[in-house]
Amino acid sequence: MQGFDKLLVWCRAHKLVLDLYRLTARFPADERFGIVAQLRRAASSVPANIAEGARRDGRADYARMLSIAQGSLTETQYFVLLSRDLGYLAPEAADTYFDEINQIARMLHALRLKVLHPS
C-alpha cells in the first residue's frame, strides 16, 4: 500500500482537520475545554488512524484502524451538528462540512473494502 500521505482520503481528512482548527479558534473561550477540544480530537483522529493503519502489518489491522477512523468521523459530524445548533456555526457552513464529511466517509468505506478484498 502507498504511503498514507499519498492517499486522497488522508489528504482530505487532514484538510478537514486544518479547517476545523481554524473554525474552532473563533469559538467562545469558555468552550476551549469543551466542544473545541472534543471536535479537534475527533477530527484529528481520522487522518491519524488512517496513517497508523497504513503501517500495520496485516490487512485486518489496517481495516480495523479504518473502522476507527470512520467512527471518529461520525463523532466529528456530531460535533459539527452541535456547533451549528449552539449557534457557533452558520447552517450553510455546517452543510459544507457535512458534505465533506460524507465524501470522506464514502472514501474511507471504499478504502476499507479494498484493504479487505484486494483485486
N, C-alpha and C. Protein backbone atom coordinates (compact mmCIF):
# COMPACT_ATOMS: atom_id res chain seq x y z
N MET A 1 0.86 -1.18 0.00
CA MET A 1 0.00 0.00 0.00
C MET A 1 0.90 1.23 0.00
N GLN A 2 0.46 2.28 -0.68
CA GLN A 2 1.24 3.51 -0.77
C GLN A 2 1.30 4.22 0.58
N GLY A 3 2.21 5.18 0.68
CA GLY A 3 2.32 5.95 1.91
C GLY A 3 1.01 6.65 2.22
N PHE A 4 0.68 6.74 3.49
CA PHE A 4 -0.60 7.30 3.89
C PHE A 4 -0.80 8.71 3.37
N ASP A 5 0.27 9.50 3.30
CA ASP A 5 0.13 10.89 2.90
C ASP A 5 -0.09 11.07 1.39
N LYS A 6 -0.07 9.97 0.67
CA LYS A 6 -0.39 9.99 -0.76
C LYS A 6 -1.85 9.59 -1.02
N LEU A 7 -2.53 9.11 -0.01
CA LEU A 7 -3.93 8.70 -0.14
C LEU A 7 -4.83 9.94 -0.16
N LEU A 8 -5.69 10.02 -1.15
CA LEU A 8 -6.59 11.16 -1.27
C LEU A 8 -7.49 11.29 -0.03
N VAL A 9 -7.93 10.18 0.51
CA VAL A 9 -8.80 10.23 1.69
C VAL A 9 -8.04 10.82 2.87
N TRP A 10 -6.77 10.50 3.02
CA TRP A 10 -5.98 11.08 4.10
C TRP A 10 -5.81 12.59 3.87
N CYS A 11 -5.51 12.99 2.65
CA CYS A 11 -5.33 14.41 2.32
C CYS A 11 -6.59 15.21 2.64
N ARG A 12 -7.73 14.67 2.27
CA ARG A 12 -8.98 15.38 2.53
C ARG A 12 -9.31 15.41 4.02
N ALA A 13 -9.04 14.33 4.72
CA ALA A 13 -9.27 14.30 6.17
C ALA A 13 -8.33 15.29 6.87
N HIS A 14 -7.10 15.35 6.42
CA HIS A 14 -6.13 16.29 7.00
C HIS A 14 -6.58 17.74 6.77
N LYS A 15 -7.05 18.03 5.56
CA LYS A 15 -7.54 19.38 5.26
C LYS A 15 -8.75 19.72 6.13
N LEU A 16 -9.63 18.75 6.34
CA LEU A 16 -10.78 18.96 7.22
C LEU A 16 -10.32 19.35 8.62
N VAL A 17 -9.31 18.66 9.13
CA VAL A 17 -8.77 18.98 10.46
C VAL A 17 -8.27 20.42 10.49
N LEU A 18 -7.49 20.80 9.49
CA LEU A 18 -6.97 22.16 9.44
C LEU A 18 -8.10 23.18 9.43
N ASP A 19 -9.12 22.92 8.61
CA ASP A 19 -10.26 23.83 8.53
C ASP A 19 -10.99 23.93 9.87
N LEU A 20 -11.17 22.79 10.53
CA LEU A 20 -11.89 22.79 11.81
C LEU A 20 -11.07 23.45 12.92
N TYR A 21 -9.76 23.32 12.88
CA TYR A 21 -8.92 24.03 13.84
C TYR A 21 -9.10 25.54 13.68
N ARG A 22 -9.09 26.00 12.42
CA ARG A 22 -9.27 27.44 12.17
C ARG A 22 -10.66 27.88 12.62
N LEU A 23 -11.66 27.08 12.33
CA LEU A 23 -13.02 27.40 12.73
C LEU A 23 -13.15 27.52 14.25
N THR A 24 -12.66 26.52 14.96
CA THR A 24 -12.85 26.49 16.41
C THR A 24 -12.01 27.53 17.14
N ALA A 25 -11.02 28.11 16.48
CA ALA A 25 -10.24 29.20 17.08
C ALA A 25 -11.14 30.41 17.33
N ARG A 26 -12.27 30.47 16.62
CA ARG A 26 -13.21 31.59 16.77
C ARG A 26 -14.36 31.28 17.73
N PHE A 27 -14.38 30.09 18.29
CA PHE A 27 -15.45 29.72 19.22
C PHE A 27 -15.25 30.48 20.54
N PRO A 28 -16.29 30.56 21.36
CA PRO A 28 -16.17 31.24 22.65
C PRO A 28 -15.07 30.60 23.52
N ALA A 29 -14.38 31.45 24.27
CA ALA A 29 -13.28 30.98 25.11
C ALA A 29 -13.73 29.95 26.13
N ASP A 30 -14.95 30.05 26.60
CA ASP A 30 -15.42 29.09 27.61
C ASP A 30 -15.66 27.69 27.02
N GLU A 31 -15.55 27.57 25.70
CA GLU A 31 -15.68 26.25 25.04
C GLU A 31 -14.32 25.60 24.79
N ARG A 32 -13.26 26.26 25.20
CA ARG A 32 -11.90 25.76 24.93
C ARG A 32 -11.71 24.31 25.38
N PHE A 33 -12.22 23.98 26.55
CA PHE A 33 -12.04 22.62 27.06
C PHE A 33 -13.29 21.77 26.84
N GLY A 34 -14.25 22.31 26.16
CA GLY A 34 -15.48 21.59 25.84
C GLY A 34 -15.51 21.17 24.39
N ILE A 35 -16.40 21.80 23.66
CA ILE A 35 -16.62 21.40 22.27
C ILE A 35 -15.38 21.60 21.40
N VAL A 36 -14.59 22.62 21.67
CA VAL A 36 -13.38 22.85 20.86
C VAL A 36 -12.44 21.66 20.98
N ALA A 37 -12.15 21.25 22.20
CA ALA A 37 -11.25 20.11 22.41
C ALA A 37 -11.83 18.83 21.83
N GLN A 38 -13.12 18.61 22.02
CA GLN A 38 -13.76 17.39 21.54
C GLN A 38 -13.76 17.33 20.01
N LEU A 39 -14.11 18.45 19.37
CA LEU A 39 -14.18 18.48 17.91
C LEU A 39 -12.79 18.30 17.31
N ARG A 40 -11.81 18.98 17.87
CA ARG A 40 -10.45 18.85 17.36
C ARG A 40 -9.91 17.43 17.53
N ARG A 41 -10.19 16.84 18.68
CA ARG A 41 -9.71 15.48 18.94
C ARG A 41 -10.35 14.49 17.98
N ALA A 42 -11.67 14.58 17.82
CA ALA A 42 -12.37 13.65 16.94
C ALA A 42 -11.89 13.80 15.50
N ALA A 43 -11.80 15.03 15.03
CA ALA A 43 -11.38 15.27 13.64
C ALA A 43 -9.95 14.81 13.39
N SER A 44 -9.04 15.13 14.30
CA SER A 44 -7.64 14.75 14.09
C SER A 44 -7.42 13.25 14.20
N SER A 45 -8.33 12.57 14.86
CA SER A 45 -8.24 11.12 14.97
C SER A 45 -8.45 10.43 13.62
N VAL A 46 -9.17 11.06 12.71
CA VAL A 46 -9.46 10.44 11.42
C VAL A 46 -8.17 10.24 10.62
N PRO A 47 -7.44 11.29 10.26
CA PRO A 47 -6.21 11.06 9.50
C PRO A 47 -5.14 10.32 10.31
N ALA A 48 -5.15 10.49 11.63
CA ALA A 48 -4.17 9.79 12.46
C ALA A 48 -4.39 8.27 12.38
N ASN A 49 -5.64 7.84 12.40
CA ASN A 49 -5.92 6.41 12.31
C ASN A 49 -5.68 5.86 10.92
N ILE A 50 -5.90 6.67 9.89
CA ILE A 50 -5.56 6.24 8.53
C ILE A 50 -4.05 6.02 8.45
N ALA A 51 -3.30 6.96 8.99
CA ALA A 51 -1.83 6.86 8.97
C ALA A 51 -1.35 5.65 9.76
N GLU A 52 -1.88 5.47 10.94
CA GLU A 52 -1.47 4.33 11.77
C GLU A 52 -1.80 3.01 11.08
N GLY A 53 -2.99 2.92 10.52
CA GLY A 53 -3.39 1.70 9.84
C GLY A 53 -2.51 1.35 8.66
N ALA A 54 -2.06 2.36 7.95
CA ALA A 54 -1.22 2.13 6.77
C ALA A 54 0.10 1.46 7.13
N ARG A 55 0.51 1.58 8.37
CA ARG A 55 1.77 0.96 8.83
C ARG A 55 1.56 -0.33 9.60
N ARG A 56 0.33 -0.77 9.72
CA ARG A 56 0.07 -2.04 10.40
C ARG A 56 0.52 -3.19 9.52
N ASP A 57 0.83 -4.31 10.16
CA ASP A 57 1.37 -5.46 9.44
C ASP A 57 0.35 -6.18 8.55
N GLY A 58 -0.85 -6.31 9.02
CA GLY A 58 -1.82 -7.10 8.26
C GLY A 58 -3.00 -6.28 7.77
N ARG A 59 -3.68 -6.84 6.80
CA ARG A 59 -4.86 -6.18 6.23
C ARG A 59 -5.97 -6.01 7.28
N ALA A 60 -6.14 -7.00 8.13
CA ALA A 60 -7.19 -6.92 9.14
C ALA A 60 -6.93 -5.77 10.10
N ASP A 61 -5.67 -5.59 10.50
CA ASP A 61 -5.33 -4.47 11.38
C ASP A 61 -5.58 -3.14 10.69
N TYR A 62 -5.19 -3.05 9.43
CA TYR A 62 -5.40 -1.82 8.66
C TYR A 62 -6.90 -1.52 8.57
N ALA A 63 -7.68 -2.53 8.24
CA ALA A 63 -9.13 -2.35 8.14
C ALA A 63 -9.73 -1.92 9.48
N ARG A 64 -9.21 -2.47 10.57
CA ARG A 64 -9.71 -2.09 11.91
C ARG A 64 -9.43 -0.62 12.18
N MET A 65 -8.24 -0.15 11.81
CA MET A 65 -7.90 1.25 12.01
C MET A 65 -8.78 2.16 11.14
N LEU A 66 -9.11 1.70 9.96
CA LEU A 66 -10.01 2.47 9.10
C LEU A 66 -11.41 2.52 9.69
N SER A 67 -11.83 1.46 10.35
CA SER A 67 -13.13 1.46 11.04
C SER A 67 -13.12 2.47 12.19
N ILE A 68 -12.01 2.52 12.91
CA ILE A 68 -11.89 3.50 13.99
C ILE A 68 -11.94 4.91 13.41
N ALA A 69 -11.28 5.12 12.27
CA ALA A 69 -11.33 6.43 11.60
C ALA A 69 -12.77 6.78 11.23
N GLN A 70 -13.53 5.79 10.75
CA GLN A 70 -14.93 6.03 10.40
C GLN A 70 -15.73 6.45 11.63
N GLY A 71 -15.47 5.80 12.76
CA GLY A 71 -16.16 6.17 13.99
C GLY A 71 -15.81 7.59 14.42
N SER A 72 -14.55 7.95 14.31
CA SER A 72 -14.13 9.30 14.66
C SER A 72 -14.73 10.33 13.72
N LEU A 73 -14.89 9.97 12.47
CA LEU A 73 -15.52 10.87 11.51
C LEU A 73 -16.98 11.11 11.87
N THR A 74 -17.66 10.08 12.30
CA THR A 74 -19.05 10.23 12.73
C THR A 74 -19.13 11.11 13.97
N GLU A 75 -18.18 10.95 14.87
CA GLU A 75 -18.11 11.81 16.05
C GLU A 75 -17.87 13.27 15.63
N THR A 76 -17.01 13.47 14.67
CA THR A 76 -16.76 14.82 14.14
C THR A 76 -18.06 15.41 13.59
N GLN A 77 -18.79 14.60 12.85
CA GLN A 77 -20.07 15.06 12.29
C GLN A 77 -21.00 15.53 13.39
N TYR A 78 -21.06 14.77 14.49
CA TYR A 78 -21.92 15.17 15.60
C TYR A 78 -21.49 16.51 16.18
N PHE A 79 -20.20 16.71 16.37
CA PHE A 79 -19.74 17.97 16.97
C PHE A 79 -19.94 19.16 16.03
N VAL A 80 -19.90 18.93 14.73
CA VAL A 80 -20.25 20.00 13.79
C VAL A 80 -21.74 20.33 13.94
N LEU A 81 -22.57 19.29 14.04
CA LEU A 81 -24.00 19.49 14.25
C LEU A 81 -24.25 20.26 15.55
N LEU A 82 -23.58 19.86 16.62
CA LEU A 82 -23.74 20.54 17.90
C LEU A 82 -23.29 22.00 17.80
N SER A 83 -22.18 22.23 17.11
CA SER A 83 -21.69 23.61 16.92
C SER A 83 -22.73 24.46 16.19
N ARG A 84 -23.36 23.86 15.18
CA ARG A 84 -24.42 24.55 14.46
C ARG A 84 -25.60 24.86 15.37
N ASP A 85 -26.03 23.85 16.13
CA ASP A 85 -27.21 24.01 16.97
C ASP A 85 -26.97 24.97 18.14
N LEU A 86 -25.72 25.13 18.55
CA LEU A 86 -25.39 26.09 19.60
C LEU A 86 -25.17 27.49 19.04
N GLY A 87 -25.21 27.63 17.73
CA GLY A 87 -25.06 28.93 17.11
C GLY A 87 -23.62 29.36 16.87
N TYR A 88 -22.67 28.43 17.00
CA TYR A 88 -21.26 28.75 16.76
C TYR A 88 -20.90 28.63 15.29
N LEU A 89 -21.77 28.03 14.52
CA LEU A 89 -21.52 27.74 13.11
C LEU A 89 -22.80 27.98 12.32
N ALA A 90 -22.70 28.77 11.26
CA ALA A 90 -23.87 29.05 10.42
C ALA A 90 -24.34 27.76 9.75
N PRO A 91 -25.64 27.61 9.58
CA PRO A 91 -26.17 26.39 8.95
C PRO A 91 -25.55 26.10 7.59
N GLU A 92 -25.31 27.12 6.79
CA GLU A 92 -24.72 26.91 5.46
C GLU A 92 -23.29 26.37 5.58
N ALA A 93 -22.55 26.89 6.53
CA ALA A 93 -21.18 26.41 6.76
C ALA A 93 -21.21 24.97 7.26
N ALA A 94 -22.14 24.67 8.15
CA ALA A 94 -22.28 23.30 8.66
C ALA A 94 -22.58 22.35 7.50
N ASP A 95 -23.45 22.77 6.58
CA ASP A 95 -23.79 21.92 5.44
C ASP A 95 -22.55 21.63 4.58
N THR A 96 -21.68 22.61 4.44
CA THR A 96 -20.43 22.40 3.70
C THR A 96 -19.57 21.36 4.39
N TYR A 97 -19.47 21.44 5.71
CA TYR A 97 -18.71 20.44 6.47
C TYR A 97 -19.38 19.07 6.37
N PHE A 98 -20.69 19.02 6.47
CA PHE A 98 -21.40 17.74 6.35
C PHE A 98 -21.14 17.10 5.00
N ASP A 99 -21.15 17.90 3.94
CA ASP A 99 -20.86 17.36 2.60
C ASP A 99 -19.46 16.76 2.54
N GLU A 100 -18.49 17.46 3.09
CA GLU A 100 -17.11 16.96 3.06
C GLU A 100 -16.97 15.71 3.93
N ILE A 101 -17.60 15.71 5.08
CA ILE A 101 -17.57 14.54 5.96
C ILE A 101 -18.17 13.34 5.24
N ASN A 102 -19.28 13.53 4.54
CA ASN A 102 -19.91 12.42 3.81
C ASN A 102 -19.01 11.91 2.70
N GLN A 103 -18.33 12.81 2.00
CA GLN A 103 -17.39 12.38 0.96
C GLN A 103 -16.25 11.56 1.55
N ILE A 104 -15.69 12.04 2.65
CA ILE A 104 -14.60 11.32 3.31
C ILE A 104 -15.10 9.96 3.80
N ALA A 105 -16.30 9.90 4.32
CA ALA A 105 -16.88 8.63 4.80
C ALA A 105 -16.97 7.62 3.66
N ARG A 106 -17.43 8.08 2.50
CA ARG A 106 -17.51 7.17 1.35
C ARG A 106 -16.12 6.69 0.93
N MET A 107 -15.16 7.58 0.96
CA MET A 107 -13.79 7.22 0.58
C MET A 107 -13.19 6.23 1.58
N LEU A 108 -13.44 6.45 2.86
CA LEU A 108 -12.96 5.52 3.88
C LEU A 108 -13.57 4.14 3.70
N HIS A 109 -14.86 4.11 3.42
CA HIS A 109 -15.55 2.84 3.21
C HIS A 109 -14.94 2.10 2.02
N ALA A 110 -14.72 2.81 0.93
CA ALA A 110 -14.14 2.19 -0.27
C ALA A 110 -12.72 1.68 0.00
N LEU A 111 -11.94 2.46 0.73
CA LEU A 111 -10.58 2.02 1.06
C LEU A 111 -10.61 0.78 1.94
N ARG A 112 -11.50 0.77 2.91
CA ARG A 112 -11.61 -0.39 3.80
C ARG A 112 -11.97 -1.65 3.01
N LEU A 113 -12.91 -1.52 2.08
CA LEU A 113 -13.27 -2.67 1.24
C LEU A 113 -12.08 -3.12 0.39
N LYS A 114 -11.33 -2.18 -0.14
CA LYS A 114 -10.15 -2.51 -0.96
C LYS A 114 -9.08 -3.22 -0.12
N VAL A 115 -8.91 -2.76 1.11
CA VAL A 115 -7.94 -3.39 2.01
C VAL A 115 -8.36 -4.83 2.33
N LEU A 116 -9.63 -5.01 2.60
CA LEU A 116 -10.14 -6.34 2.97
C LEU A 116 -10.25 -7.29 1.79
N HIS A 117 -10.55 -6.74 0.62
CA HIS A 117 -10.80 -7.57 -0.56
C HIS A 117 -10.01 -7.04 -1.76
N PRO A 118 -8.69 -7.18 -1.72
CA PRO A 118 -7.89 -6.67 -2.86
C PRO A 118 -8.22 -7.46 -4.13
N SER A 119 -8.18 -6.76 -5.24
CA SER A 119 -8.48 -7.46 -6.51
C SER A 119 -7.24 -7.96 -7.21
